[in-house]
Every structure is written in structure tokens, then in C-alpha cells.
Amino acid sequence: MAAAKKKTARGRKQDRARVAKGQDYEVRYEAKKTGRSASAVKKAVKKVGNSRKRVEKRLGR
């Protein structure tokens, strides 16, 4: 019998650290959170990558 793998929340933490370019709900969430438009969020993602921290910094949060 194989040992059970330990389940961690690592995947979720990694997901929350990213603003997925093609995911409209992530873009809308970030736009609402920062008070900017969705197109501004998309431009920021294109400019600095999909790191949530860098996108928020770019948007002036």
C-alpha cells in the first residue's frame, strides 16, 4: 500500500500570486480591487508580467 501524499495549499497560493492574462474574472477582480479599468489591468500585465504584486505596483496601488 502506498503512503498517502500530504496535501498542501501551495497551488492556491501560487494561483493567487498571478493575474492570468486570459482569465477575465482575474482581470475584473484586479480592476475592481485597484479601482482601474480592465484594459488598464491588461496593459499592466502585458508590461510587467503576470505577477500580482508587480501589476498592483504598476497600477499604483
Foldseek 3Di string as FASTA:
>chain_A
DDDDDDDDCVVVVVVVQWQDLVDPVSLVVLCVVLVHDSVLLNVLCVVPNTGSVSSSVVSPD
